[in-house]
């Protein structure tokens, strides 16, 4: 089970991440403007009335709609979506169910979708070195057929 304190700790550990002063939301700046990668879910409790924040659910940006579907299939209990988010690359995370390691992966991936290249380079050396090792791994060569 993750808490809002876990969300804050993880999100603010990412280079350039900022917490919104008036909402439970986290962003990075691109061209001087904050772009959100995680925010509290605004739930429609009463039809035709304004949405209200649900502190037990966090909306987290994902890289693509395909990634969204993959995550929803893999983590059916902890993640969900609603009609408001159809066609938008974000998943809703139940904080009372999600474990901290998965939350860390989700928040870091969300941050990477918006972080500038200089911020991604400032990411922890251990993560950066692991990514570098993955990128230097030998790639399978394709054999060409000249027929």
N, C-alpha and C. Protein backbone atom coordinates (compact mmCIF):
# COMPACT_ATOMS: atom_id res chain seq x y z
N UNK A 1 0.84 -1.18 0.00
CA UNK A 1 0.00 0.00 0.00
C UNK A 1 0.89 1.24 0.00
N UNK A 2 0.59 2.18 -0.88
CA UNK A 2 1.35 3.42 -0.98
C UNK A 2 0.53 4.57 -0.38
N UNK A 3 1.22 5.58 0.03
CA UNK A 3 0.57 6.76 0.61
C UNK A 3 0.90 7.98 -0.24
N UNK A 4 0.21 9.08 0.06
CA UNK A 4 0.52 10.33 -0.62
C UNK A 4 1.94 10.78 -0.28
N UNK A 5 2.40 10.45 0.91
CA UNK A 5 3.78 10.80 1.29
C UNK A 5 4.77 10.05 0.39
N UNK A 6 4.46 8.79 0.06
CA UNK A 6 5.31 8.02 -0.86
C UNK A 6 5.33 8.68 -2.23
N UNK A 7 4.17 9.11 -2.70
CA UNK A 7 4.07 9.77 -4.00
C UNK A 7 4.94 11.03 -4.00
N UNK A 8 4.80 11.84 -2.97
CA UNK A 8 5.57 13.08 -2.87
C UNK A 8 7.06 12.79 -2.84
N UNK A 9 7.47 11.84 -2.02
CA UNK A 9 8.89 11.51 -1.88
C UNK A 9 9.48 11.04 -3.22
N UNK A 10 8.77 10.14 -3.90
CA UNK A 10 9.26 9.61 -5.17
C UNK A 10 9.28 10.69 -6.24
N UNK A 11 8.18 11.41 -6.38
CA UNK A 11 8.08 12.42 -7.44
C UNK A 11 9.12 13.52 -7.27
N UNK A 12 9.30 14.00 -6.05
CA UNK A 12 10.25 15.10 -5.84
C UNK A 12 11.70 14.64 -5.88
N UNK A 13 11.95 13.32 -5.88
CA UNK A 13 13.31 12.83 -6.01
C UNK A 13 13.78 12.86 -7.47
N UNK A 14 12.86 13.09 -8.39
CA UNK A 14 13.19 13.13 -9.82
C UNK A 14 13.69 14.52 -10.19
N UNK A 15 14.76 14.63 -10.97
CA UNK A 15 15.32 15.94 -11.31
C UNK A 15 14.31 16.87 -11.97
N UNK A 16 14.23 18.09 -11.47
CA UNK A 16 13.37 19.10 -12.05
C UNK A 16 11.90 18.97 -11.71
N UNK A 17 11.52 17.97 -10.92
CA UNK A 17 10.11 17.79 -10.57
C UNK A 17 9.68 18.85 -9.58
N UNK A 18 8.47 19.35 -9.75
CA UNK A 18 7.90 20.36 -8.88
C UNK A 18 6.54 19.91 -8.39
N UNK A 19 6.20 20.33 -7.19
CA UNK A 19 4.87 20.06 -6.64
C UNK A 19 4.03 21.31 -6.83
N UNK A 20 2.82 21.15 -7.27
CA UNK A 20 1.92 22.27 -7.44
C UNK A 20 1.56 22.86 -6.08
N UNK A 21 1.59 24.18 -5.93
CA UNK A 21 1.28 24.77 -4.63
C UNK A 21 -0.19 24.67 -4.23
N UNK A 22 -1.09 24.54 -5.20
CA UNK A 22 -2.51 24.54 -4.85
C UNK A 22 -3.23 23.21 -5.08
N UNK A 23 -2.57 22.24 -5.68
CA UNK A 23 -3.17 20.91 -5.91
C UNK A 23 -2.14 19.85 -5.59
N UNK A 24 -2.59 18.63 -5.41
CA UNK A 24 -1.67 17.50 -5.25
C UNK A 24 -1.32 17.04 -6.65
N UNK A 25 -0.32 17.74 -7.24
CA UNK A 25 0.09 17.45 -8.62
C UNK A 25 1.59 17.70 -8.74
N UNK A 26 2.21 16.98 -9.69
CA UNK A 26 3.64 17.07 -9.90
C UNK A 26 3.91 17.31 -11.38
N UNK A 27 4.89 18.14 -11.66
CA UNK A 27 5.18 18.50 -13.05
C UNK A 27 6.67 18.74 -13.25
N UNK A 28 7.04 18.86 -14.52
CA UNK A 28 8.37 19.32 -14.92
C UNK A 28 8.15 20.49 -15.86
N UNK A 29 9.12 21.37 -15.95
CA UNK A 29 9.00 22.54 -16.82
C UNK A 29 9.57 22.22 -18.19
N UNK A 30 8.78 22.58 -19.20
CA UNK A 30 9.21 22.50 -20.60
C UNK A 30 8.95 23.86 -21.21
N UNK A 31 10.02 24.48 -21.68
CA UNK A 31 9.94 25.83 -22.23
C UNK A 31 9.31 26.79 -21.22
N UNK A 32 9.65 26.60 -19.96
CA UNK A 32 9.18 27.48 -18.90
C UNK A 32 7.80 27.20 -18.35
N UNK A 33 7.07 26.27 -18.94
CA UNK A 33 5.71 25.98 -18.49
C UNK A 33 5.66 24.62 -17.80
N UNK A 34 4.93 24.52 -16.68
CA UNK A 34 4.83 23.23 -16.00
C UNK A 34 3.94 22.26 -16.79
N UNK A 35 4.43 21.05 -16.97
CA UNK A 35 3.68 19.98 -17.64
C UNK A 35 3.52 18.84 -16.66
N UNK A 36 2.27 18.51 -16.32
CA UNK A 36 1.99 17.53 -15.28
C UNK A 36 2.25 16.10 -15.68
N UNK A 37 2.90 15.36 -14.78
CA UNK A 37 3.09 13.92 -15.01
C UNK A 37 2.32 13.08 -14.00
N UNK A 38 1.83 13.69 -12.92
CA UNK A 38 1.00 12.98 -11.93
C UNK A 38 0.14 14.01 -11.20
N UNK A 39 -1.10 13.65 -10.91
CA UNK A 39 -2.02 14.57 -10.25
C UNK A 39 -3.13 13.78 -9.57
N UNK A 40 -3.77 14.42 -8.60
CA UNK A 40 -4.88 13.77 -7.90
C UNK A 40 -6.05 13.64 -8.87
N UNK A 41 -6.75 12.52 -8.77
CA UNK A 41 -7.90 12.29 -9.64
C UNK A 41 -9.07 13.14 -9.19
N UNK A 42 -9.66 13.83 -10.15
CA UNK A 42 -10.86 14.61 -9.89
C UNK A 42 -12.06 13.74 -10.28
N UNK A 43 -12.78 13.26 -9.28
CA UNK A 43 -13.86 12.31 -9.49
C UNK A 43 -15.19 13.02 -9.61
N UNK A 44 -16.02 12.54 -10.52
CA UNK A 44 -17.38 13.08 -10.64
C UNK A 44 -18.25 12.26 -9.71
N UNK A 45 -18.58 12.81 -8.55
CA UNK A 45 -19.37 12.11 -7.55
C UNK A 45 -20.86 12.26 -7.84
N UNK A 46 -21.28 13.48 -8.19
CA UNK A 46 -22.68 13.77 -8.48
C UNK A 46 -22.76 14.22 -9.94
N UNK A 47 -23.61 13.57 -10.74
CA UNK A 47 -23.72 13.98 -12.14
C UNK A 47 -24.06 15.47 -12.28
N UNK A 48 -23.46 16.09 -13.27
CA UNK A 48 -23.67 17.50 -13.59
C UNK A 48 -23.21 18.46 -12.51
N UNK A 49 -22.42 17.97 -11.58
CA UNK A 49 -21.81 18.81 -10.56
C UNK A 49 -20.30 18.80 -10.78
N UNK A 50 -19.58 19.77 -10.23
CA UNK A 50 -18.13 19.79 -10.43
C UNK A 50 -17.46 18.54 -9.84
N UNK A 51 -16.36 18.16 -10.46
CA UNK A 51 -15.56 17.04 -9.96
C UNK A 51 -14.91 17.44 -8.65
N UNK A 52 -14.66 16.44 -7.80
CA UNK A 52 -14.00 16.68 -6.52
C UNK A 52 -12.75 15.80 -6.42
N UNK A 53 -11.71 16.29 -5.75
CA UNK A 53 -10.49 15.48 -5.64
C UNK A 53 -10.72 14.22 -4.81
N UNK A 54 -10.19 13.11 -5.31
CA UNK A 54 -10.23 11.85 -4.57
C UNK A 54 -8.80 11.56 -4.14
N UNK A 55 -8.46 11.78 -2.87
CA UNK A 55 -7.08 11.64 -2.42
C UNK A 55 -6.55 10.21 -2.44
N UNK A 56 -7.40 9.22 -2.66
CA UNK A 56 -6.95 7.83 -2.69
C UNK A 56 -6.55 7.36 -4.08
N UNK A 57 -6.73 8.25 -5.09
CA UNK A 57 -6.43 7.87 -6.48
C UNK A 57 -5.55 8.94 -7.12
N UNK A 58 -4.53 8.46 -7.81
CA UNK A 58 -3.58 9.33 -8.49
C UNK A 58 -3.64 9.06 -9.99
N UNK A 59 -3.73 10.11 -10.79
CA UNK A 59 -3.65 9.99 -12.24
C UNK A 59 -2.19 10.12 -12.63
N UNK A 60 -1.70 9.21 -13.46
CA UNK A 60 -0.29 9.19 -13.85
C UNK A 60 -0.20 9.06 -15.37
N UNK A 61 0.56 9.96 -15.97
CA UNK A 61 0.78 9.94 -17.42
C UNK A 61 1.57 8.70 -17.82
N UNK A 62 1.26 8.15 -18.99
CA UNK A 62 2.02 7.03 -19.55
C UNK A 62 2.52 7.43 -20.93
N UNK A 63 3.42 6.65 -21.50
CA UNK A 63 4.07 7.01 -22.76
C UNK A 63 3.13 7.00 -23.96
N UNK A 64 2.19 6.07 -23.98
CA UNK A 64 1.31 5.93 -25.15
C UNK A 64 0.03 5.21 -24.74
N UNK A 65 -0.92 5.21 -25.66
CA UNK A 65 -2.16 4.48 -25.39
C UNK A 65 -1.91 2.97 -25.37
N UNK A 66 -0.96 2.50 -26.15
CA UNK A 66 -0.62 1.07 -26.11
C UNK A 66 -0.02 0.71 -24.75
N UNK A 67 0.83 1.57 -24.23
CA UNK A 67 1.41 1.34 -22.90
C UNK A 67 0.31 1.36 -21.83
N UNK A 68 -0.64 2.25 -21.99
CA UNK A 68 -1.77 2.33 -21.06
C UNK A 68 -2.52 1.00 -21.02
N UNK A 69 -2.83 0.46 -22.19
CA UNK A 69 -3.55 -0.81 -22.25
C UNK A 69 -2.72 -1.94 -21.64
N UNK A 70 -1.42 -1.96 -21.92
CA UNK A 70 -0.55 -2.99 -21.36
C UNK A 70 -0.54 -2.92 -19.84
N UNK A 71 -0.43 -1.72 -19.29
CA UNK A 71 -0.42 -1.55 -17.83
C UNK A 71 -1.76 -1.94 -17.21
N UNK A 72 -2.85 -1.54 -17.84
CA UNK A 72 -4.17 -1.89 -17.32
C UNK A 72 -4.38 -3.40 -17.30
N UNK A 73 -3.90 -4.09 -18.33
CA UNK A 73 -4.02 -5.55 -18.38
C UNK A 73 -3.14 -6.22 -17.33
N UNK A 74 -1.95 -5.69 -17.12
CA UNK A 74 -0.99 -6.31 -16.20
C UNK A 74 -1.32 -6.07 -14.73
N UNK A 75 -1.98 -4.97 -14.43
CA UNK A 75 -2.22 -4.59 -13.02
C UNK A 75 -3.69 -4.21 -12.83
N UNK A 76 -4.55 -5.15 -13.05
CA UNK A 76 -6.00 -4.90 -13.03
C UNK A 76 -6.52 -4.39 -11.68
N UNK A 77 -5.94 -4.81 -10.58
CA UNK A 77 -6.44 -4.37 -9.28
C UNK A 77 -5.98 -2.96 -8.92
N UNK A 78 -4.74 -2.65 -9.22
CA UNK A 78 -4.16 -1.38 -8.78
C UNK A 78 -4.43 -0.23 -9.75
N UNK A 79 -4.64 -0.54 -11.03
CA UNK A 79 -4.81 0.51 -12.04
C UNK A 79 -6.17 0.39 -12.70
N UNK A 80 -6.72 1.54 -13.10
CA UNK A 80 -7.98 1.54 -13.83
C UNK A 80 -8.06 2.81 -14.66
N UNK A 81 -9.14 2.95 -15.40
CA UNK A 81 -9.38 4.17 -16.17
C UNK A 81 -10.87 4.48 -16.08
N UNK A 82 -11.25 5.60 -16.65
CA UNK A 82 -12.66 5.99 -16.67
C UNK A 82 -12.92 6.67 -18.01
N UNK A 83 -14.18 6.89 -18.38
CA UNK A 83 -14.47 7.49 -19.68
C UNK A 83 -13.77 8.84 -19.92
N UNK A 84 -13.59 9.64 -18.90
CA UNK A 84 -12.94 10.94 -19.04
C UNK A 84 -11.51 10.80 -19.58
N UNK A 85 -10.84 9.67 -19.29
CA UNK A 85 -9.47 9.45 -19.72
C UNK A 85 -9.36 8.59 -20.98
N UNK A 86 -10.48 8.26 -21.62
CA UNK A 86 -10.43 7.49 -22.86
C UNK A 86 -9.71 8.32 -23.93
N UNK A 87 -8.75 7.69 -24.59
CA UNK A 87 -7.99 8.38 -25.62
C UNK A 87 -6.90 9.28 -25.08
N UNK A 88 -6.68 9.27 -23.77
CA UNK A 88 -5.63 10.10 -23.16
C UNK A 88 -4.61 9.17 -22.50
N UNK A 89 -3.32 9.42 -22.68
CA UNK A 89 -2.31 8.50 -22.14
C UNK A 89 -2.06 8.70 -20.64
N UNK A 90 -2.98 8.20 -19.84
CA UNK A 90 -2.84 8.25 -18.38
C UNK A 90 -3.62 7.10 -17.77
N UNK A 91 -3.14 6.61 -16.64
CA UNK A 91 -3.85 5.58 -15.88
C UNK A 91 -4.18 6.14 -14.51
N UNK A 92 -5.18 5.58 -13.89
CA UNK A 92 -5.56 5.95 -12.53
C UNK A 92 -5.04 4.87 -11.59
N UNK A 93 -4.37 5.31 -10.53
CA UNK A 93 -3.68 4.40 -9.61
C UNK A 93 -4.38 4.42 -8.25
N UNK A 94 -4.82 3.26 -7.80
CA UNK A 94 -5.41 3.15 -6.46
C UNK A 94 -4.28 3.08 -5.43
N UNK A 95 -4.09 4.14 -4.67
CA UNK A 95 -2.98 4.19 -3.72
C UNK A 95 -3.13 3.17 -2.60
N UNK A 96 -4.36 2.79 -2.26
CA UNK A 96 -4.54 1.83 -1.18
C UNK A 96 -4.24 0.39 -1.61
N UNK A 97 -4.00 0.18 -2.93
CA UNK A 97 -3.69 -1.16 -3.43
C UNK A 97 -2.27 -1.24 -4.00
N UNK A 98 -1.83 -0.21 -4.70
CA UNK A 98 -0.55 -0.26 -5.40
C UNK A 98 0.60 -0.35 -4.40
N UNK A 99 1.62 -1.13 -4.76
CA UNK A 99 2.82 -1.24 -3.93
C UNK A 99 3.82 -0.17 -4.34
N UNK A 100 4.65 0.23 -3.41
CA UNK A 100 5.59 1.32 -3.63
C UNK A 100 6.54 1.05 -4.81
N UNK A 101 7.08 -0.16 -5.01
CA UNK A 101 7.95 -0.38 -6.17
C UNK A 101 7.25 -0.10 -7.51
N UNK A 102 6.00 -0.55 -7.66
CA UNK A 102 5.25 -0.27 -8.89
C UNK A 102 4.98 1.22 -9.00
N UNK A 103 4.62 1.86 -7.92
CA UNK A 103 4.39 3.31 -7.94
C UNK A 103 5.64 4.05 -8.39
N UNK A 104 6.80 3.63 -7.90
CA UNK A 104 8.07 4.25 -8.30
C UNK A 104 8.29 4.09 -9.81
N UNK A 105 8.04 2.91 -10.34
CA UNK A 105 8.19 2.67 -11.77
C UNK A 105 7.24 3.55 -12.57
N UNK A 106 5.98 3.63 -12.14
CA UNK A 106 4.99 4.44 -12.85
C UNK A 106 5.35 5.92 -12.84
N UNK A 107 5.74 6.43 -11.68
CA UNK A 107 6.07 7.86 -11.58
C UNK A 107 7.34 8.19 -12.37
N UNK A 108 8.33 7.32 -12.31
CA UNK A 108 9.57 7.57 -13.05
C UNK A 108 9.30 7.54 -14.56
N UNK A 109 8.52 6.59 -15.01
CA UNK A 109 8.19 6.51 -16.44
C UNK A 109 7.37 7.73 -16.86
N UNK A 110 6.45 8.17 -16.02
CA UNK A 110 5.64 9.36 -16.32
C UNK A 110 6.54 10.59 -16.42
N UNK A 111 7.46 10.72 -15.50
CA UNK A 111 8.39 11.85 -15.51
C UNK A 111 9.22 11.83 -16.80
N UNK A 112 9.68 10.63 -17.20
CA UNK A 112 10.50 10.51 -18.42
C UNK A 112 9.75 10.94 -19.67
N UNK A 113 8.42 10.77 -19.70
CA UNK A 113 7.66 11.15 -20.89
C UNK A 113 7.71 12.65 -21.12
N UNK A 114 7.93 13.44 -20.08
CA UNK A 114 7.92 14.89 -20.20
C UNK A 114 9.26 15.56 -19.93
N UNK A 115 10.18 14.86 -19.30
CA UNK A 115 11.46 15.47 -18.92
C UNK A 115 12.29 15.79 -20.16
N UNK A 116 12.97 16.91 -20.11
CA UNK A 116 13.86 17.29 -21.19
C UNK A 116 15.10 16.40 -21.13
N UNK A 117 15.87 16.39 -22.19
CA UNK A 117 17.04 15.52 -22.24
C UNK A 117 18.05 15.87 -21.14
N UNK A 118 18.21 17.16 -20.82
CA UNK A 118 19.16 17.52 -19.75
C UNK A 118 18.68 17.01 -18.39
N UNK A 119 17.36 16.99 -18.16
CA UNK A 119 16.85 16.44 -16.90
C UNK A 119 17.05 14.93 -16.86
N UNK A 120 16.81 14.26 -17.99
CA UNK A 120 17.01 12.81 -18.01
C UNK A 120 18.46 12.45 -17.77
N UNK A 121 19.38 13.29 -18.26
CA UNK A 121 20.81 13.06 -17.99
C UNK A 121 21.15 13.25 -16.52
N UNK A 122 20.39 14.11 -15.84
CA UNK A 122 20.64 14.36 -14.42
C UNK A 122 20.05 13.29 -13.52
N UNK A 123 19.30 12.35 -14.11
CA UNK A 123 18.72 11.25 -13.34
C UNK A 123 19.83 10.49 -12.63
N UNK A 124 19.50 9.77 -11.60
CA UNK A 124 20.51 9.12 -10.77
C UNK A 124 21.52 8.33 -11.60
N UNK A 125 22.80 8.39 -11.22
CA UNK A 125 23.83 7.68 -11.99
C UNK A 125 23.57 6.19 -12.13
N UNK A 126 23.01 5.57 -11.10
CA UNK A 126 22.75 4.13 -11.16
C UNK A 126 21.74 3.83 -12.28
N UNK A 127 20.65 4.61 -12.36
CA UNK A 127 19.66 4.41 -13.41
C UNK A 127 20.27 4.73 -14.77
N UNK A 128 21.04 5.81 -14.83
CA UNK A 128 21.65 6.24 -16.08
C UNK A 128 22.61 5.16 -16.59
N UNK A 129 23.42 4.59 -15.68
CA UNK A 129 24.36 3.54 -16.08
C UNK A 129 23.63 2.30 -16.57
N UNK A 130 22.54 1.95 -15.92
CA UNK A 130 21.76 0.78 -16.35
C UNK A 130 21.18 1.02 -17.74
N UNK A 131 20.68 2.22 -18.00
CA UNK A 131 20.14 2.54 -19.32
C UNK A 131 21.24 2.51 -20.36
N UNK A 132 22.41 2.99 -20.01
CA UNK A 132 23.54 2.99 -20.94
C UNK A 132 23.95 1.55 -21.27
N UNK A 133 23.97 0.68 -20.26
CA UNK A 133 24.33 -0.72 -20.51
C UNK A 133 23.31 -1.38 -21.43
N UNK A 134 22.03 -1.06 -21.22
CA UNK A 134 21.00 -1.64 -22.09
C UNK A 134 21.18 -1.16 -23.53
N UNK A 135 21.51 0.12 -23.70
CA UNK A 135 21.64 0.65 -25.05
C UNK A 135 22.88 0.12 -25.76
N UNK A 136 23.90 -0.29 -25.00
CA UNK A 136 25.13 -0.82 -25.60
C UNK A 136 25.08 -2.33 -25.80
N UNK A 137 24.00 -2.95 -25.39
CA UNK A 137 23.88 -4.39 -25.57
C UNK A 137 23.91 -4.72 -27.05
N UNK A 138 24.56 -5.80 -27.42
CA UNK A 138 24.63 -6.15 -28.84
C UNK A 138 23.24 -6.38 -29.41
N UNK A 139 23.00 -5.79 -30.55
CA UNK A 139 21.72 -5.93 -31.22
C UNK A 139 21.79 -7.10 -32.19
N UNK A 140 20.73 -7.87 -32.30
CA UNK A 140 20.75 -8.98 -33.26
C UNK A 140 20.88 -8.43 -34.68
N UNK A 141 21.70 -9.06 -35.47
CA UNK A 141 21.87 -8.61 -36.84
C UNK A 141 20.90 -9.32 -37.74
N UNK A 142 20.39 -8.54 -38.68
CA UNK A 142 19.46 -9.13 -39.64
C UNK A 142 20.25 -9.63 -40.83
N UNK A 143 19.93 -10.81 -41.27
CA UNK A 143 20.59 -11.34 -42.45
C UNK A 143 19.75 -10.97 -43.65
N UNK A 144 20.42 -10.42 -44.64
CA UNK A 144 19.71 -10.00 -45.84
C UNK A 144 19.68 -11.14 -46.84
N UNK A 145 18.59 -11.22 -47.48
CA UNK A 145 18.46 -12.18 -48.55
C UNK A 145 18.57 -11.42 -49.87
N UNK A 146 19.44 -11.87 -50.75
CA UNK A 146 19.66 -11.18 -52.02
C UNK A 146 18.95 -11.88 -53.17
N UNK A 147 17.95 -12.60 -52.84
CA UNK A 147 17.21 -13.32 -53.90
C UNK A 147 16.16 -12.46 -54.49
